[in-house]
């Protein structure tokens, strides 16, 4: 039964991302689809919870902690430039709190969980996995940045992404991985893995359109 449910969840993820991909590529629908992007991120959050097959309460607790940390570092970044660099958020990521879309805090948690799932099967010490997971998230951001800038998700001063952004991404990712590994033993989850690869494929394709 769980296998069937997971197949449905993965199918939903594929369908929604394909609709988004096609919509963004069609000029008549691009603006509408981009304005609804935050709903796709919320869908990912819901599917992560539905796809969890061990402890939903622990997962939800981590996601809430990641939300607070993610939103906090973004608030510091947007208002001071001390983290990530000189950037600001656009209008296509939904409701904001003091200039930062609420869905960004959620996304920090979702990405952390999916990265940990992807590397679970590697026969490596947990400390090394933790570092690898952080690097994976930096790579994800590297792939996502050009699309985000062209989609009014966020923008950088002088349209230049500073190397400092990736340094900060790495250290925030390490902190979240430390918390996640400390709260629960990461497991390999087919839904989590699918979400990660669907999302990064989505951004890779849009980079070449």
Protein backbone atom coordinates (compact mmCIF):
# COMPACT_ATOMS: atom_id res chain seq x y z
CA UNK A 1 0.00 0.00 0.00
CA UNK A 2 2.84 2.36 0.91
CA UNK A 3 4.60 1.59 -2.38
CA UNK A 4 1.47 2.47 -4.32
CA UNK A 5 1.03 5.70 -2.35
CA UNK A 6 4.65 6.69 -3.04
CA UNK A 7 4.16 6.08 -6.76
CA UNK A 8 1.17 8.43 -6.73
CA UNK A 9 3.12 11.08 -4.81
CA UNK A 10 6.03 10.89 -7.26
CA UNK A 11 3.59 11.05 -10.19
CA UNK A 12 2.02 14.21 -8.73
CA UNK A 13 5.47 15.80 -8.39
CA UNK A 14 6.35 14.95 -11.99
CA UNK A 15 3.03 16.26 -13.34
CA UNK A 16 3.18 19.57 -11.48
CA UNK A 17 6.80 20.22 -12.43
CA UNK A 18 6.11 19.33 -16.07
CA UNK A 19 3.13 21.69 -16.13
CA UNK A 20 5.34 24.40 -14.62
CA UNK A 21 8.14 23.72 -17.09
CA UNK A 22 5.89 23.84 -20.13
CA UNK A 23 4.01 26.87 -18.80
CA UNK A 24 7.21 28.85 -18.24
CA UNK A 25 8.34 28.06 -21.79
CA UNK A 26 5.07 29.33 -23.28
CA UNK A 27 5.06 33.18 -23.41
CA UNK A 28 1.30 33.42 -22.91
CA UNK A 29 1.41 31.42 -19.68
CA UNK A 30 4.87 32.28 -18.30
CA UNK A 31 3.83 35.15 -16.01
CA UNK A 32 0.89 33.21 -14.57
CA UNK A 33 2.93 30.06 -13.90
CA UNK A 34 5.78 32.02 -12.29
CA UNK A 35 3.35 33.86 -10.02
CA UNK A 36 2.16 30.46 -8.75
CA UNK A 37 5.67 29.07 -8.16
CA UNK A 38 5.33 29.25 -4.39
CA UNK A 39 2.42 26.79 -4.58
CA UNK A 40 4.73 24.23 -6.17
CA UNK A 41 7.13 24.64 -3.24
CA UNK A 42 4.26 24.23 -0.78
CA UNK A 43 3.21 21.09 -2.65
CA UNK A 44 6.74 19.72 -2.21
CA UNK A 45 6.46 20.36 1.54
CA UNK A 46 3.13 18.50 1.77
CA UNK A 47 4.39 15.57 -0.30
CA UNK A 48 7.50 15.31 1.87
CA UNK A 49 5.24 14.88 4.91
CA UNK A 50 2.96 12.40 3.15
CA UNK A 51 5.92 10.44 1.83
CA UNK A 52 7.63 10.07 5.21
CA UNK A 53 7.47 6.40 6.21
CA UNK A 54 9.08 6.51 9.65
CA UNK A 55 8.42 9.38 12.06
CA UNK A 56 6.27 12.19 10.69
CA UNK A 57 6.41 14.03 14.03
CA UNK A 58 10.22 14.15 14.06
CA UNK A 59 10.30 15.20 10.41
CA UNK A 60 7.78 17.97 11.02
CA UNK A 61 9.77 19.13 14.06
CA UNK A 62 12.93 19.37 11.97
CA UNK A 63 11.12 21.19 9.16
CA UNK A 64 9.82 23.75 11.66
CA UNK A 65 13.32 24.27 13.07
CA UNK A 66 14.71 24.58 9.53
CA UNK A 67 11.95 27.07 8.70
CA UNK A 68 12.95 29.31 11.61
CA UNK A 69 16.67 29.07 10.82
CA UNK A 70 16.17 29.48 7.08
CA UNK A 71 13.88 32.48 7.45
CA UNK A 72 16.21 34.06 10.02
CA UNK A 73 19.34 33.85 7.87
CA UNK A 74 17.42 35.18 4.88
CA UNK A 75 16.13 38.13 6.92
CA UNK A 76 19.69 38.90 7.99
CA UNK A 77 20.87 38.55 4.42
CA UNK A 78 18.19 40.74 2.83
CA UNK A 79 18.38 43.53 5.41
CA UNK A 80 22.10 43.66 6.17
CA UNK A 81 24.00 41.94 3.37
CA UNK A 82 26.09 40.18 6.02
CA UNK A 83 24.93 36.80 4.72
CA UNK A 84 24.81 35.74 1.07
CA UNK A 85 25.44 39.23 -0.31
CA UNK A 86 23.41 42.16 -1.63
CA UNK A 87 20.12 40.73 -2.87
CA UNK A 88 16.36 41.16 -2.61
CA UNK A 89 13.34 39.00 -3.29
CA UNK A 90 10.96 39.55 -6.17
CA UNK A 91 7.22 39.03 -6.42
CA UNK A 92 6.87 35.41 -7.53
CA UNK A 93 7.46 33.48 -4.31
CA UNK A 94 4.26 34.33 -2.47
CA UNK A 95 3.58 36.07 0.86
CA UNK A 96 6.55 37.71 2.57
CA UNK A 97 7.63 38.54 6.09
CA UNK A 98 9.78 41.70 6.13
CA UNK A 99 10.81 41.17 2.55
CA UNK A 100 11.46 37.42 2.70
CA UNK A 101 8.97 34.92 1.21
CA UNK A 102 7.73 32.50 3.87
CA UNK A 103 8.13 29.61 1.47
CA UNK A 104 11.91 30.17 1.45
CA UNK A 105 12.11 29.04 5.08
CA UNK A 106 10.11 25.94 4.19
CA UNK A 107 12.35 25.23 1.22
CA UNK A 108 15.53 25.20 3.33
CA UNK A 109 14.07 22.29 5.29
CA UNK A 110 12.78 20.40 2.28
CA UNK A 111 16.11 20.64 0.46
CA UNK A 112 18.01 19.52 3.57
CA UNK A 113 15.85 16.42 3.97
CA UNK A 114 16.01 15.42 0.31
CA UNK A 115 19.80 15.85 0.12
CA UNK A 116 20.25 13.62 3.17
CA UNK A 117 18.06 10.97 1.58
CA UNK A 118 20.00 11.01 -1.69
CA UNK A 119 23.32 10.24 0.05
CA UNK A 120 21.97 7.74 2.57
CA UNK A 121 23.11 4.66 0.66
CA UNK A 122 26.74 5.85 0.48
CA UNK A 123 28.98 3.75 2.72
CA UNK A 124 30.61 6.73 4.37
CA UNK A 125 30.89 8.12 7.93
CA UNK A 126 28.01 10.38 8.91
CA UNK A 127 30.31 13.38 9.32
CA UNK A 128 31.52 13.02 5.75
CA UNK A 129 27.95 12.54 4.49
CA UNK A 130 26.99 15.73 6.27
CA UNK A 131 29.67 17.68 4.37
CA UNK A 132 28.72 16.03 1.07
CA UNK A 133 25.07 16.95 1.66
CA UNK A 134 26.04 20.57 2.19
CA UNK A 135 28.02 20.57 -1.07
CA UNK A 136 25.03 19.03 -2.84
CA UNK A 137 22.87 21.91 -1.66
CA UNK A 138 25.46 24.42 -2.89
CA UNK A 139 25.39 22.72 -6.30
CA UNK A 140 21.60 22.89 -6.24
CA UNK A 141 21.77 26.63 -5.55
CA UNK A 142 24.34 27.11 -8.32
CA UNK A 143 21.95 25.47 -10.80
CA UNK A 144 18.94 27.35 -9.45
CA UNK A 145 20.40 30.88 -9.33
CA UNK A 146 20.21 31.86 -13.04
CA UNK A 147 16.62 30.62 -13.29
CA UNK A 148 15.64 32.42 -10.10
CA UNK A 149 17.05 35.70 -11.38
CA UNK A 150 15.19 35.38 -14.68
CA UNK A 151 11.95 34.44 -12.92
CA UNK A 152 11.73 37.36 -10.47
CA UNK A 153 12.30 35.04 -7.51
CA UNK A 154 15.18 37.23 -6.34
CA UNK A 155 17.79 39.57 -7.79
CA UNK A 156 21.40 40.52 -7.05
CA UNK A 157 23.05 43.90 -7.05
CA UNK A 158 24.63 44.52 -10.47
CA UNK A 159 23.11 41.20 -11.59
CA UNK A 160 26.18 39.43 -10.19
CA UNK A 161 26.03 36.39 -7.90
CA UNK A 162 28.85 36.71 -5.36
CA UNK A 163 30.98 33.71 -4.41
CA UNK A 164 30.15 34.69 -0.82
CA UNK A 165 26.58 33.50 -1.48
CA UNK A 166 27.77 29.93 -2.01
CA UNK A 167 30.02 30.07 1.06
CA UNK A 168 27.03 31.09 3.19
CA UNK A 169 24.84 28.44 1.58
CA UNK A 170 27.41 25.82 2.54
CA UNK A 171 27.62 26.86 6.19
CA UNK A 172 23.85 27.20 6.63
CA UNK A 173 23.46 23.78 4.98
CA UNK A 174 26.03 22.28 7.37
CA UNK A 175 24.15 23.67 10.38
CA UNK A 176 20.86 22.23 9.15
CA UNK A 177 22.45 18.86 8.41
CA UNK A 178 23.98 18.78 11.89
CA UNK A 179 20.56 19.38 13.41
CA UNK A 180 18.90 16.83 11.13
CA UNK A 181 21.48 14.12 11.83
CA UNK A 182 21.22 14.92 15.54
CA UNK A 183 17.44 14.59 15.61
CA UNK A 184 17.01 11.43 13.54
CA UNK A 185 18.92 8.94 11.46
CA UNK A 186 18.44 9.98 7.82
CA UNK A 187 16.93 7.28 5.65
CA UNK A 188 16.70 6.68 1.93
CA UNK A 189 13.21 7.60 0.83
CA UNK A 190 12.06 7.17 -2.78
CA UNK A 191 9.74 10.18 -2.60
CA UNK A 192 12.47 12.42 -1.16
CA UNK A 193 14.97 11.22 -3.78
CA UNK A 194 12.48 11.78 -6.58
CA UNK A 195 11.69 15.30 -5.39
CA UNK A 196 15.37 16.26 -5.32
CA UNK A 197 16.11 14.95 -8.81
CA UNK A 198 12.87 16.32 -10.27
CA UNK A 199 13.63 19.79 -8.92
CA UNK A 200 17.25 19.93 -10.02
CA UNK A 201 16.31 18.57 -13.46
CA UNK A 202 13.63 21.26 -13.66
CA UNK A 203 16.20 24.00 -13.09
CA UNK A 204 18.81 22.44 -15.39
CA UNK A 205 16.32 22.35 -18.26
CA UNK A 206 15.30 25.97 -17.67
CA UNK A 207 18.96 27.00 -17.73
CA UNK A 208 19.15 25.82 -21.33
CA UNK A 209 15.86 27.10 -22.68
